[in-house]
Amino acid sequence: MRAMILAAGRGERMRPLTDELPKPLLEVAGRALIEHQIERLSAAGVTDIVINLSWMGGKIRALLGDGSRYGVTIKYSDEPDGALESGGGIREALPMLGDGPFMVINADLWCDFDLRTLVLAKGDLASLVLVDNPAHNPDGDFDLEDGRVRDRKRLTFAGIGMYRPSLLASLPRGRYGIASVLRQAMRADRVSGVHHTGVWQDVGTPERLAALRERLAGSN
């Protein structure tokens, strides 16, 4: 099993913190956000990792290196200025992700979902983790019905999924999000999902970052 961590975004909503530091390197609980993702992937037995880079990507590469000190192997998919968004970024990295299903996880989140439980059934193109709608996304993204993800807004996509290469392989290279690609697969009933009710936090703004730091400090 391989995985990709999405880390190329500019982090506009996190400014001014991201003016001098890429968002994946912001620290929570004494480690950079992206280090927590690597550690969770490694704990789940996923040790071949691809990370896409754009905004100040050199700083991410400098910290993580080849991944050996985390017990994993890291390869980098370099993107142009402005990045390729989630869908385009994954499509660009497909040659590095192999022929089998792979996980994708956003660098800028905190979640206690057990990655070992995420599975992709035969015939499905994607399996997604969905969570209850947070305050910053009250309308949601998708819906879940008997284990199938539907193109209705009731739950929020957690930024964690497992995909087959064929989900994106026939698409052109370029800049586009993953949501439109997933919706097309949903219309063909080829997307499964699970509803995670544990801890999940999208760390998208300075306020949410501060709230997460406070929450974790209070749990110690």
N, C-alpha and C. Protein backbone atom coordinates (compact mmCIF):
# COMPACT_ATOMS: atom_id res chain seq x y z
N MET A 1 0.84 -1.20 0.00
CA MET A 1 0.00 0.00 0.00
C MET A 1 0.87 1.25 0.00
N ARG A 2 0.53 2.18 -0.88
CA ARG A 2 1.20 3.48 -0.91
C ARG A 2 0.22 4.56 -0.51
N ALA A 3 0.76 5.73 -0.24
CA ALA A 3 -0.10 6.85 0.17
C ALA A 3 0.45 8.15 -0.39
N MET A 4 -0.43 9.12 -0.51
CA MET A 4 -0.04 10.46 -0.91
C MET A 4 -0.54 11.44 0.14
N ILE A 5 0.32 12.35 0.52
CA ILE A 5 -0.06 13.44 1.42
C ILE A 5 -0.13 14.72 0.59
N LEU A 6 -1.28 15.37 0.63
CA LEU A 6 -1.47 16.60 -0.13
C LEU A 6 -0.91 17.78 0.67
N ALA A 7 0.14 18.40 0.16
CA ALA A 7 0.85 19.42 0.93
C ALA A 7 1.26 20.62 0.09
N ALA A 8 0.65 20.80 -1.08
CA ALA A 8 1.14 21.81 -2.01
C ALA A 8 0.43 23.16 -1.91
N GLY A 9 -0.66 23.23 -1.17
CA GLY A 9 -1.47 24.45 -1.15
C GLY A 9 -0.76 25.66 -0.54
N ARG A 10 -1.22 26.83 -0.94
CA ARG A 10 -0.64 28.08 -0.46
C ARG A 10 -1.05 28.40 0.97
N GLY A 11 -2.22 27.92 1.41
CA GLY A 11 -2.67 28.20 2.77
C GLY A 11 -3.08 29.64 2.96
N GLU A 12 -3.84 30.18 2.00
CA GLU A 12 -4.24 31.59 2.06
C GLU A 12 -4.99 31.94 3.34
N ARG A 13 -5.90 31.06 3.77
CA ARG A 13 -6.71 31.37 4.95
C ARG A 13 -5.89 31.32 6.24
N MET A 14 -4.70 30.74 6.15
CA MET A 14 -3.84 30.63 7.33
C MET A 14 -2.87 31.80 7.43
N ARG A 15 -2.89 32.71 6.47
CA ARG A 15 -1.99 33.86 6.55
C ARG A 15 -2.34 34.71 7.77
N PRO A 16 -1.35 35.35 8.41
CA PRO A 16 0.04 35.52 7.97
C PRO A 16 0.99 34.39 8.36
N LEU A 17 0.46 33.34 9.03
CA LEU A 17 1.35 32.27 9.49
C LEU A 17 2.05 31.57 8.34
N THR A 18 1.39 31.53 7.18
CA THR A 18 1.97 30.83 6.03
C THR A 18 2.72 31.74 5.07
N ASP A 19 2.97 32.97 5.48
CA ASP A 19 3.77 33.84 4.63
C ASP A 19 5.24 33.41 4.60
N GLU A 20 5.69 32.80 5.68
CA GLU A 20 7.09 32.39 5.77
C GLU A 20 7.25 30.90 6.01
N LEU A 21 6.14 30.18 6.15
CA LEU A 21 6.20 28.75 6.45
C LEU A 21 5.04 28.05 5.76
N PRO A 22 5.27 26.95 5.06
CA PRO A 22 4.15 26.23 4.45
C PRO A 22 3.25 25.64 5.53
N LYS A 23 1.97 25.61 5.27
CA LYS A 23 1.00 25.16 6.28
C LYS A 23 1.31 23.78 6.86
N PRO A 24 1.76 22.81 6.06
CA PRO A 24 2.05 21.49 6.64
C PRO A 24 3.14 21.49 7.71
N LEU A 25 3.92 22.58 7.78
CA LEU A 25 4.99 22.64 8.78
C LEU A 25 4.58 23.38 10.05
N LEU A 26 3.37 23.88 10.11
CA LEU A 26 2.88 24.48 11.36
C LEU A 26 2.82 23.39 12.43
N GLU A 27 3.21 23.73 13.64
CA GLU A 27 3.36 22.72 14.68
C GLU A 27 2.11 22.55 15.54
N VAL A 28 1.85 21.31 15.85
CA VAL A 28 0.79 20.91 16.79
C VAL A 28 1.36 19.79 17.65
N ALA A 29 1.21 19.90 18.94
CA ALA A 29 1.71 18.87 19.86
C ALA A 29 3.19 18.59 19.63
N GLY A 30 3.97 19.64 19.37
CA GLY A 30 5.41 19.52 19.28
C GLY A 30 5.96 19.01 17.97
N ARG A 31 5.09 18.73 16.99
CA ARG A 31 5.54 18.25 15.69
C ARG A 31 4.80 18.99 14.59
N ALA A 32 5.41 19.04 13.41
CA ALA A 32 4.74 19.62 12.26
C ALA A 32 3.51 18.78 11.91
N LEU A 33 2.47 19.44 11.41
CA LEU A 33 1.25 18.73 11.03
C LEU A 33 1.55 17.54 10.13
N ILE A 34 2.41 17.75 9.14
CA ILE A 34 2.68 16.67 8.19
C ILE A 34 3.43 15.51 8.84
N GLU A 35 4.20 15.78 9.87
CA GLU A 35 4.87 14.68 10.57
C GLU A 35 3.86 13.77 11.25
N HIS A 36 2.80 14.34 11.78
CA HIS A 36 1.75 13.51 12.39
C HIS A 36 1.11 12.59 11.35
N GLN A 37 0.90 13.10 10.14
CA GLN A 37 0.30 12.26 9.09
C GLN A 37 1.25 11.12 8.73
N ILE A 38 2.52 11.43 8.61
CA ILE A 38 3.50 10.38 8.28
C ILE A 38 3.52 9.31 9.36
N GLU A 39 3.49 9.73 10.61
CA GLU A 39 3.53 8.77 11.71
C GLU A 39 2.28 7.90 11.74
N ARG A 40 1.12 8.48 11.43
CA ARG A 40 -0.11 7.69 11.41
C ARG A 40 -0.10 6.70 10.25
N LEU A 41 0.40 7.14 9.11
CA LEU A 41 0.51 6.22 7.97
C LEU A 41 1.46 5.08 8.29
N SER A 42 2.60 5.39 8.88
CA SER A 42 3.57 4.36 9.23
C SER A 42 2.98 3.37 10.22
N ALA A 43 2.24 3.88 11.21
CA ALA A 43 1.61 3.00 12.20
C ALA A 43 0.59 2.07 11.56
N ALA A 44 0.02 2.50 10.43
CA ALA A 44 -0.97 1.69 9.71
C ALA A 44 -0.31 0.76 8.71
N GLY A 45 1.02 0.77 8.69
CA GLY A 45 1.74 -0.12 7.78
C GLY A 45 1.98 0.44 6.40
N VAL A 46 1.73 1.74 6.22
CA VAL A 46 1.94 2.38 4.93
C VAL A 46 3.27 3.10 4.98
N THR A 47 4.25 2.61 4.24
CA THR A 47 5.60 3.15 4.36
C THR A 47 6.14 3.74 3.06
N ASP A 48 5.40 3.64 1.98
CA ASP A 48 5.79 4.29 0.72
C ASP A 48 4.89 5.50 0.51
N ILE A 49 5.45 6.69 0.62
CA ILE A 49 4.65 7.91 0.66
C ILE A 49 5.13 8.90 -0.41
N VAL A 50 4.15 9.50 -1.10
CA VAL A 50 4.41 10.57 -2.05
C VAL A 50 3.84 11.86 -1.47
N ILE A 51 4.60 12.93 -1.54
CA ILE A 51 4.13 14.23 -1.06
C ILE A 51 4.24 15.23 -2.20
N ASN A 52 3.13 15.93 -2.49
CA ASN A 52 3.21 16.96 -3.54
C ASN A 52 3.65 18.29 -2.91
N LEU A 53 4.43 19.03 -3.66
CA LEU A 53 5.03 20.26 -3.17
C LEU A 53 4.80 21.41 -4.13
N SER A 54 4.58 22.59 -3.58
CA SER A 54 4.56 23.81 -4.38
C SER A 54 5.05 24.95 -3.49
N TRP A 55 4.10 25.61 -2.76
CA TRP A 55 4.46 26.77 -1.96
C TRP A 55 5.52 26.41 -0.91
N MET A 56 6.70 26.99 -1.03
CA MET A 56 7.82 26.75 -0.11
C MET A 56 8.05 25.26 0.11
N GLY A 57 7.91 24.51 -0.96
CA GLY A 57 8.08 23.06 -0.86
C GLY A 57 9.46 22.64 -0.42
N GLY A 58 10.45 23.48 -0.70
CA GLY A 58 11.80 23.15 -0.29
C GLY A 58 11.93 23.00 1.22
N LYS A 59 11.14 23.75 1.97
CA LYS A 59 11.21 23.64 3.43
C LYS A 59 10.64 22.31 3.91
N ILE A 60 9.61 21.84 3.24
CA ILE A 60 9.05 20.53 3.58
C ILE A 60 10.05 19.43 3.27
N ARG A 61 10.66 19.53 2.09
CA ARG A 61 11.66 18.53 1.69
C ARG A 61 12.85 18.54 2.65
N ALA A 62 13.26 19.73 3.08
CA ALA A 62 14.41 19.84 3.98
C ALA A 62 14.13 19.18 5.33
N LEU A 63 12.91 19.32 5.83
CA LEU A 63 12.57 18.72 7.12
C LEU A 63 12.44 17.20 7.02
N LEU A 64 11.73 16.73 6.01
CA LEU A 64 11.37 15.32 5.95
C LEU A 64 12.42 14.45 5.27
N GLY A 65 13.18 15.03 4.35
CA GLY A 65 14.19 14.26 3.64
C GLY A 65 13.60 13.06 2.91
N ASP A 66 14.31 11.95 2.96
CA ASP A 66 13.84 10.75 2.26
C ASP A 66 12.91 9.91 3.12
N GLY A 67 12.60 10.40 4.33
CA GLY A 67 11.67 9.70 5.21
C GLY A 67 12.29 8.66 6.11
N SER A 68 13.58 8.40 5.96
CA SER A 68 14.20 7.29 6.68
C SER A 68 14.11 7.44 8.19
N ARG A 69 14.16 8.67 8.69
CA ARG A 69 14.11 8.82 10.15
C ARG A 69 12.72 8.60 10.71
N TYR A 70 11.72 8.48 9.82
CA TYR A 70 10.36 8.14 10.24
C TYR A 70 10.04 6.67 9.94
N GLY A 71 11.00 5.97 9.37
CA GLY A 71 10.78 4.58 9.02
C GLY A 71 9.97 4.39 7.75
N VAL A 72 9.95 5.41 6.88
CA VAL A 72 9.20 5.34 5.63
C VAL A 72 10.10 5.81 4.48
N THR A 73 9.60 5.64 3.27
CA THR A 73 10.27 6.16 2.08
C THR A 73 9.41 7.26 1.48
N ILE A 74 9.99 8.43 1.31
CA ILE A 74 9.24 9.57 0.78
C ILE A 74 9.77 9.97 -0.59
N LYS A 75 8.85 10.14 -1.53
CA LYS A 75 9.16 10.72 -2.84
C LYS A 75 8.33 12.00 -2.99
N TYR A 76 8.81 12.89 -3.80
CA TYR A 76 8.15 14.19 -3.93
C TYR A 76 7.66 14.43 -5.36
N SER A 77 6.46 14.98 -5.45
CA SER A 77 5.87 15.37 -6.72
C SER A 77 5.83 16.89 -6.77
N ASP A 78 6.74 17.48 -7.51
CA ASP A 78 6.84 18.94 -7.57
C ASP A 78 5.80 19.51 -8.53
N GLU A 79 5.11 20.56 -8.07
CA GLU A 79 4.08 21.20 -8.87
C GLU A 79 4.46 22.65 -9.16
N PRO A 80 3.84 23.23 -10.18
CA PRO A 80 4.16 24.62 -10.52
C PRO A 80 3.61 25.59 -9.49
N ASP A 81 4.02 26.83 -9.56
CA ASP A 81 3.49 27.87 -8.67
C ASP A 81 1.97 27.89 -8.77
N GLY A 82 1.32 27.98 -7.61
CA GLY A 82 -0.14 27.95 -7.58
C GLY A 82 -0.70 26.57 -7.36
N ALA A 83 0.15 25.54 -7.49
CA ALA A 83 -0.23 24.14 -7.27
C ALA A 83 -1.30 23.68 -8.26
N LEU A 84 -1.65 22.41 -8.18
CA LEU A 84 -2.58 21.81 -9.13
C LEU A 84 -3.91 21.43 -8.49
N GLU A 85 -4.16 21.86 -7.27
CA GLU A 85 -5.34 21.46 -6.49
C GLU A 85 -5.30 19.96 -6.23
N SER A 86 -6.30 19.47 -5.53
CA SER A 86 -6.25 18.09 -5.06
C SER A 86 -6.31 17.07 -6.20
N GLY A 87 -7.28 17.23 -7.11
CA GLY A 87 -7.41 16.28 -8.20
C GLY A 87 -6.23 16.30 -9.14
N GLY A 88 -5.84 17.50 -9.56
CA GLY A 88 -4.71 17.63 -10.45
C GLY A 88 -3.41 17.16 -9.83
N GLY A 89 -3.27 17.40 -8.52
CA GLY A 89 -2.07 16.97 -7.83
C GLY A 89 -1.94 15.46 -7.77
N ILE A 90 -3.06 14.78 -7.50
CA ILE A 90 -3.04 13.31 -7.47
C ILE A 90 -2.77 12.77 -8.86
N ARG A 91 -3.45 13.36 -9.86
CA ARG A 91 -3.25 12.90 -11.25
C ARG A 91 -1.79 13.03 -11.65
N GLU A 92 -1.15 14.12 -11.28
CA GLU A 92 0.25 14.35 -11.63
C GLU A 92 1.15 13.30 -10.99
N ALA A 93 0.79 12.85 -9.81
CA ALA A 93 1.64 11.92 -9.06
C ALA A 93 1.36 10.46 -9.36
N LEU A 94 0.38 10.15 -10.21
CA LEU A 94 0.01 8.75 -10.45
C LEU A 94 1.20 7.86 -10.82
N PRO A 95 2.13 8.31 -11.67
CA PRO A 95 3.25 7.43 -11.99
C PRO A 95 4.08 7.00 -10.78
N MET A 96 4.00 7.77 -9.70
CA MET A 96 4.77 7.45 -8.50
C MET A 96 3.97 6.59 -7.52
N LEU A 97 2.67 6.43 -7.78
CA LEU A 97 1.79 5.76 -6.83
C LEU A 97 1.52 4.31 -7.17
N GLY A 98 1.98 3.85 -8.31
CA GLY A 98 1.85 2.44 -8.65
C GLY A 98 0.51 2.07 -9.25
N ASP A 99 0.31 0.77 -9.40
CA ASP A 99 -0.87 0.25 -10.09
C ASP A 99 -2.01 -0.12 -9.15
N GLY A 100 -1.75 -0.19 -7.86
CA GLY A 100 -2.78 -0.61 -6.92
C GLY A 100 -3.44 0.55 -6.22
N PRO A 101 -4.46 0.26 -5.40
CA PRO A 101 -5.12 1.32 -4.62
C PRO A 101 -4.12 2.02 -3.70
N PHE A 102 -4.36 3.28 -3.45
CA PHE A 102 -3.49 4.07 -2.59
C PHE A 102 -4.33 5.00 -1.73
N MET A 103 -3.81 5.36 -0.56
CA MET A 103 -4.47 6.32 0.32
C MET A 103 -4.07 7.73 -0.06
N VAL A 104 -4.95 8.67 0.21
CA VAL A 104 -4.65 10.09 0.10
C VAL A 104 -5.14 10.77 1.37
N ILE A 105 -4.29 11.61 1.95
CA ILE A 105 -4.67 12.31 3.17
C ILE A 105 -4.17 13.75 3.10
N ASN A 106 -4.99 14.67 3.50
CA ASN A 106 -4.58 16.07 3.54
C ASN A 106 -3.55 16.28 4.65
N ALA A 107 -2.57 17.12 4.38
CA ALA A 107 -1.54 17.39 5.39
C ALA A 107 -2.09 18.21 6.55
N ASP A 108 -3.11 19.03 6.28
CA ASP A 108 -3.55 20.03 7.27
C ASP A 108 -4.77 19.58 8.05
N LEU A 109 -4.71 18.40 8.64
CA LEU A 109 -5.82 17.96 9.48
C LEU A 109 -5.29 17.17 10.67
N TRP A 110 -6.17 17.05 11.66
CA TRP A 110 -5.87 16.24 12.84
C TRP A 110 -7.03 15.27 13.01
N CYS A 111 -6.74 13.99 13.03
CA CYS A 111 -7.82 13.01 13.06
C CYS A 111 -7.33 11.72 13.70
N ASP A 112 -8.20 11.07 14.49
CA ASP A 112 -7.82 9.81 15.12
C ASP A 112 -8.44 8.61 14.42
N PHE A 113 -8.87 8.79 13.17
CA PHE A 113 -9.40 7.65 12.40
C PHE A 113 -8.31 6.60 12.22
N ASP A 114 -8.70 5.34 12.39
CA ASP A 114 -7.76 4.23 12.23
C ASP A 114 -7.60 3.92 10.74
N LEU A 115 -6.50 4.33 10.16
CA LEU A 115 -6.29 4.17 8.72
C LEU A 115 -6.27 2.71 8.30
N ARG A 116 -6.00 1.81 9.22
CA ARG A 116 -5.97 0.38 8.88
C ARG A 116 -7.35 -0.14 8.51
N THR A 117 -8.40 0.56 8.91
CA THR A 117 -9.76 0.08 8.66
C THR A 117 -10.33 0.56 7.33
N LEU A 118 -9.61 1.42 6.62
CA LEU A 118 -10.10 1.93 5.35
C LEU A 118 -9.84 0.89 4.26
N VAL A 119 -10.91 0.43 3.61
CA VAL A 119 -10.79 -0.60 2.58
C VAL A 119 -11.50 -0.15 1.31
N LEU A 120 -11.07 -0.73 0.21
CA LEU A 120 -11.66 -0.42 -1.09
C LEU A 120 -12.18 -1.71 -1.70
N ALA A 121 -13.50 -1.81 -1.83
CA ALA A 121 -14.11 -3.04 -2.34
C ALA A 121 -13.87 -3.19 -3.84
N LYS A 122 -13.89 -4.42 -4.30
CA LYS A 122 -13.73 -4.70 -5.72
C LYS A 122 -14.81 -3.97 -6.51
N GLY A 123 -14.41 -3.28 -7.54
CA GLY A 123 -15.35 -2.54 -8.38
C GLY A 123 -15.50 -1.09 -8.00
N ASP A 124 -15.13 -0.73 -6.78
CA ASP A 124 -15.21 0.67 -6.36
C ASP A 124 -13.96 1.43 -6.80
N LEU A 125 -14.16 2.71 -7.08
CA LEU A 125 -13.04 3.57 -7.47
C LEU A 125 -12.49 4.36 -6.29
N ALA A 126 -13.30 4.53 -5.25
CA ALA A 126 -12.87 5.32 -4.10
C ALA A 126 -13.62 4.89 -2.85
N SER A 127 -12.96 5.10 -1.72
CA SER A 127 -13.58 4.91 -0.41
C SER A 127 -13.21 6.12 0.42
N LEU A 128 -14.20 6.80 1.00
CA LEU A 128 -13.98 8.08 1.66
C LEU A 128 -14.33 8.01 3.14
N VAL A 129 -13.64 8.82 3.92
CA VAL A 129 -13.99 9.03 5.32
C VAL A 129 -14.79 10.32 5.41
N LEU A 130 -15.98 10.23 5.99
CA LEU A 130 -16.86 11.38 6.16
C LEU A 130 -17.03 11.65 7.65
N VAL A 131 -17.24 12.91 7.99
CA VAL A 131 -17.42 13.33 9.38
C VAL A 131 -18.62 14.25 9.49
N ASP A 132 -19.08 14.47 10.73
CA ASP A 132 -20.16 15.43 10.94
C ASP A 132 -19.71 16.82 10.50
N ASN A 133 -20.65 17.62 10.06
CA ASN A 133 -20.31 18.94 9.53
C ASN A 133 -19.77 19.85 10.62
N PRO A 134 -18.59 20.41 10.41
CA PRO A 134 -18.05 21.39 11.37
C PRO A 134 -18.69 22.75 11.15
N ALA A 135 -18.42 23.67 12.05
CA ALA A 135 -19.02 25.01 11.96
C ALA A 135 -18.63 25.73 10.68
N HIS A 136 -17.42 25.45 10.18
CA HIS A 136 -16.98 26.17 8.98
C HIS A 136 -17.50 25.55 7.69
N ASN A 137 -18.19 24.41 7.77
CA ASN A 137 -18.77 23.78 6.59
C ASN A 137 -20.14 23.21 6.95
N PRO A 138 -21.09 24.07 7.33
CA PRO A 138 -22.36 23.61 7.89
C PRO A 138 -23.23 22.84 6.91
N ASP A 139 -23.08 23.07 5.62
CA ASP A 139 -23.93 22.41 4.64
C ASP A 139 -23.40 21.04 4.22
N GLY A 140 -22.13 20.76 4.49
CA GLY A 140 -21.57 19.47 4.15
C GLY A 140 -21.13 19.36 2.71
N ASP A 141 -20.64 18.17 2.37
CA ASP A 141 -20.13 17.90 1.02
C ASP A 141 -20.89 16.77 0.34
N PHE A 142 -21.00 15.62 1.04
CA PHE A 142 -21.61 14.43 0.48
C PHE A 142 -22.55 13.80 1.49
N ASP A 143 -23.16 12.69 1.10
CA ASP A 143 -24.05 11.95 1.99
C ASP A 143 -23.61 10.49 2.00
N LEU A 144 -24.07 9.76 3.00
CA LEU A 144 -23.73 8.35 3.14
C LEU A 144 -25.02 7.56 3.32
N GLU A 145 -25.23 6.58 2.46
CA GLU A 145 -26.44 5.77 2.50
C GLU A 145 -26.07 4.30 2.33
N ASP A 146 -26.24 3.53 3.41
CA ASP A 146 -25.91 2.10 3.39
C ASP A 146 -24.49 1.85 2.88
N GLY A 147 -23.57 2.67 3.36
CA GLY A 147 -22.18 2.48 3.01
C GLY A 147 -21.77 3.03 1.65
N ARG A 148 -22.71 3.67 0.95
CA ARG A 148 -22.41 4.25 -0.36
C ARG A 148 -22.44 5.77 -0.24
N VAL A 149 -21.47 6.44 -0.87
CA VAL A 149 -21.41 7.89 -0.82
C VAL A 149 -22.25 8.46 -1.95
N ARG A 150 -23.12 9.40 -1.61
CA ARG A 150 -24.04 10.01 -2.57
C ARG A 150 -23.74 11.49 -2.73
N ASP A 151 -24.10 12.00 -3.88
CA ASP A 151 -23.87 13.42 -4.18
C ASP A 151 -24.99 14.27 -3.61
N ARG A 152 -25.08 14.21 -2.29
CA ARG A 152 -26.01 15.06 -1.54
C ARG A 152 -25.24 15.62 -0.36
N LYS A 153 -25.62 16.78 0.11
CA LYS A 153 -24.85 17.44 1.17
C LYS A 153 -25.46 17.17 2.54
N ARG A 154 -24.78 16.32 3.32
CA ARG A 154 -25.21 16.04 4.68
C ARG A 154 -24.03 15.85 5.61
N LEU A 155 -22.93 15.29 5.09
CA LEU A 155 -21.71 15.07 5.87
C LEU A 155 -20.54 15.74 5.16
N THR A 156 -19.44 15.89 5.87
CA THR A 156 -18.25 16.56 5.34
C THR A 156 -17.17 15.54 5.00
N PHE A 157 -16.55 15.72 3.86
CA PHE A 157 -15.42 14.88 3.46
C PHE A 157 -14.24 15.21 4.35
N ALA A 158 -13.67 14.20 4.99
CA ALA A 158 -12.62 14.41 5.99
C ALA A 158 -11.25 14.68 5.39
N GLY A 159 -11.10 14.55 4.07
CA GLY A 159 -9.78 14.70 3.47
C GLY A 159 -8.94 13.46 3.60
N ILE A 160 -9.61 12.31 3.80
CA ILE A 160 -8.95 11.01 3.89
C ILE A 160 -9.69 10.06 2.96
N GLY A 161 -8.98 9.39 2.08
CA GLY A 161 -9.64 8.47 1.17
C GLY A 161 -8.67 7.44 0.62
N MET A 162 -9.26 6.44 -0.03
CA MET A 162 -8.47 5.44 -0.76
C MET A 162 -9.00 5.42 -2.19
N TYR A 163 -8.09 5.45 -3.15
CA TYR A 163 -8.47 5.56 -4.55
C TYR A 163 -7.79 4.50 -5.40
N ARG A 164 -8.45 4.13 -6.49
CA ARG A 164 -7.79 3.36 -7.53
C ARG A 164 -7.19 4.32 -8.55
N PRO A 165 -6.07 3.98 -9.13
CA PRO A 165 -5.49 4.85 -10.16
C PRO A 165 -6.46 5.16 -11.29
N SER A 166 -7.34 4.21 -11.61
CA SER A 166 -8.27 4.41 -12.73
C SER A 166 -9.29 5.52 -12.46
N LEU A 167 -9.42 5.96 -11.21
CA LEU A 167 -10.29 7.09 -10.92
C LEU A 167 -9.84 8.33 -11.69
N LEU A 168 -8.53 8.48 -11.85
CA LEU A 168 -7.97 9.69 -12.45
C LEU A 168 -7.14 9.45 -13.70
N ALA A 169 -6.78 8.21 -13.99
CA ALA A 169 -5.80 7.93 -15.03
C ALA A 169 -6.22 8.44 -16.41
N SER A 170 -7.51 8.45 -16.69
CA SER A 170 -7.97 8.88 -18.02
C SER A 170 -8.18 10.39 -18.11
N LEU A 171 -7.99 11.09 -17.01
CA LEU A 171 -8.19 12.54 -16.99
C LEU A 171 -6.92 13.25 -17.44
N PRO A 172 -7.07 14.46 -17.99
CA PRO A 172 -5.89 15.21 -18.42
C PRO A 172 -5.11 15.74 -17.22
N ARG A 173 -3.85 16.00 -17.43
CA ARG A 173 -3.07 16.67 -16.40
C ARG A 173 -3.48 18.13 -16.37
N GLY A 174 -3.47 18.72 -15.19
CA GLY A 174 -3.88 20.11 -15.07
C GLY A 174 -4.31 20.43 -13.66
N ARG A 175 -5.03 21.53 -13.50
CA ARG A 175 -5.43 22.03 -12.20
C ARG A 175 -6.94 21.82 -11.99
N TYR A 176 -7.31 20.95 -11.05
CA TYR A 176 -8.72 20.74 -10.73
C TYR A 176 -8.82 20.03 -9.38
N GLY A 177 -9.96 20.19 -8.75
CA GLY A 177 -10.20 19.57 -7.45
C GLY A 177 -10.63 18.12 -7.58
N ILE A 178 -10.59 17.40 -6.48
CA ILE A 178 -10.97 16.00 -6.48
C ILE A 178 -12.48 15.82 -6.36
N ALA A 179 -13.20 16.82 -5.84
CA ALA A 179 -14.63 16.66 -5.59
C ALA A 179 -15.41 16.36 -6.87
N SER A 180 -15.11 17.06 -7.94
CA SER A 180 -15.85 16.83 -9.19
C SER A 180 -15.57 15.44 -9.74
N VAL A 181 -14.34 14.96 -9.56
CA VAL A 181 -13.98 13.62 -10.01
C VAL A 181 -14.75 12.58 -9.20
N LEU A 182 -14.83 12.79 -7.90
CA LEU A 182 -15.56 11.86 -7.04
C LEU A 182 -17.05 11.86 -7.34
N ARG A 183 -17.60 13.02 -7.63
CA ARG A 183 -19.03 13.08 -7.93
C ARG A 183 -19.38 12.27 -9.18
N GLN A 184 -18.52 12.30 -10.15
CA GLN A 184 -18.76 11.50 -11.34
C GLN A 184 -18.75 10.02 -11.01
N ALA A 185 -17.82 9.59 -10.15
CA ALA A 185 -17.78 8.19 -9.72
C ALA A 185 -18.99 7.83 -8.87
N MET A 186 -19.48 8.79 -8.06
CA MET A 186 -20.69 8.55 -7.26
C MET A 186 -21.90 8.29 -8.14
N ARG A 187 -22.00 9.01 -9.23
CA ARG A 187 -23.14 8.81 -10.14
C ARG A 187 -23.15 7.42 -10.73
N ALA A 188 -21.98 6.80 -10.80
CA ALA A 188 -21.88 5.42 -11.27
C ALA A 188 -21.93 4.43 -10.11
N ASP A 189 -22.19 4.91 -8.88
CA ASP A 189 -22.26 4.09 -7.67
C ASP A 189 -20.98 3.31 -7.45
N ARG A 190 -19.85 4.02 -7.55
CA ARG A 190 -18.56 3.35 -7.38
C ARG A 190 -17.72 4.00 -6.27
N VAL A 191 -18.42 4.61 -5.29
CA VAL A 191 -17.73 5.22 -4.16
C VAL A 191 -18.37 4.74 -2.86
N SER A 192 -17.58 4.14 -2.00
CA SER A 192 -18.06 3.72 -0.68
C SER A 192 -17.54 4.72 0.35
N GLY A 193 -18.02 4.56 1.59
CA GLY A 193 -17.58 5.49 2.62
C GLY A 193 -17.87 4.99 4.01
N VAL A 194 -17.24 5.64 4.98
CA VAL A 194 -17.47 5.36 6.39
C VAL A 194 -17.68 6.69 7.11
N HIS A 195 -18.47 6.65 8.16
CA HIS A 195 -18.76 7.85 8.96
C HIS A 195 -17.92 7.79 10.22
N HIS A 196 -16.92 8.66 10.31
CA HIS A 196 -16.05 8.72 11.49
C HIS A 196 -16.63 9.71 12.49
N THR A 197 -16.87 9.24 13.70
CA THR A 197 -17.47 10.09 14.73
C THR A 197 -16.47 10.48 15.82
N GLY A 198 -15.20 10.16 15.61
CA GLY A 198 -14.19 10.51 16.58
C GLY A 198 -13.63 11.90 16.35
N VAL A 199 -12.39 12.09 16.74
CA VAL A 199 -11.75 13.40 16.64
C VAL A 199 -11.38 13.70 15.19
N TRP A 200 -11.76 14.87 14.73
CA TRP A 200 -11.35 15.35 13.40
C TRP A 200 -11.35 16.87 13.43
N GLN A 201 -10.29 17.45 12.91
CA GLN A 201 -10.20 18.91 12.84
C GLN A 201 -9.44 19.30 11.58
N ASP A 202 -10.11 20.06 10.73
CA ASP A 202 -9.44 20.68 9.60
C ASP A 202 -8.72 21.92 10.13
N VAL A 203 -7.40 21.97 9.95
CA VAL A 203 -6.62 23.07 10.51
C VAL A 203 -6.41 24.11 9.42
N GLY A 204 -7.48 24.84 9.09
CA GLY A 204 -7.45 25.71 7.94
C GLY A 204 -7.26 27.18 8.21
N THR A 205 -7.37 27.60 9.46
CA THR A 205 -7.22 29.02 9.80
C THR A 205 -6.42 29.15 11.09
N PRO A 206 -5.86 30.33 11.36
CA PRO A 206 -5.14 30.51 12.62
C PRO A 206 -6.01 30.21 13.83
N GLU A 207 -7.29 30.55 13.75
CA GLU A 207 -8.20 30.32 14.87
C GLU A 207 -8.38 28.82 15.13
N ARG A 208 -8.52 28.04 14.06
CA ARG A 208 -8.68 26.59 14.23
C ARG A 208 -7.39 25.94 14.71
N LEU A 209 -6.27 26.47 14.27
CA LEU A 209 -4.99 25.97 14.75
C LEU A 209 -4.84 26.24 16.24
N ALA A 210 -5.19 27.45 16.67
CA ALA A 210 -5.09 27.80 18.09
C ALA A 210 -6.03 26.94 18.93
N ALA A 211 -7.24 26.69 18.40
CA ALA A 211 -8.22 25.87 19.12
C ALA A 211 -7.72 24.44 19.28
N LEU A 212 -7.10 23.90 18.24
CA LEU A 212 -6.58 22.54 18.32
C LEU A 212 -5.43 22.47 19.32
N ARG A 213 -4.54 23.44 19.28
CA ARG A 213 -3.43 23.45 20.23
C ARG A 213 -3.95 23.51 21.67
N GLU A 214 -4.96 24.32 21.89
CA GLU A 214 -5.53 24.45 23.23
C GLU A 214 -6.20 23.14 23.65
N ARG A 215 -6.90 22.52 22.73
CA ARG A 215 -7.59 21.26 23.02
C ARG A 215 -6.58 20.17 23.39
N LEU A 216 -5.51 20.08 22.65
CA LEU A 216 -4.52 19.04 22.91
C LEU A 216 -3.76 19.32 24.20
N ALA A 217 -3.49 20.59 24.46
CA ALA A 217 -2.81 20.94 25.70
C ALA A 217 -3.68 20.59 26.90
N GLY A 218 -4.99 20.75 26.76
CA GLY A 218 -5.90 20.43 27.86
C GLY A 218 -6.07 18.95 28.08
N SER A 219 -5.70 18.14 27.09
CA SER A 219 -5.86 16.68 27.23
C SER A 219 -4.64 16.04 27.89
N ASN A 220 -3.57 16.83 28.05
CA ASN A 220 -2.34 16.27 28.66
C ASN A 220 -2.41 16.28 30.17
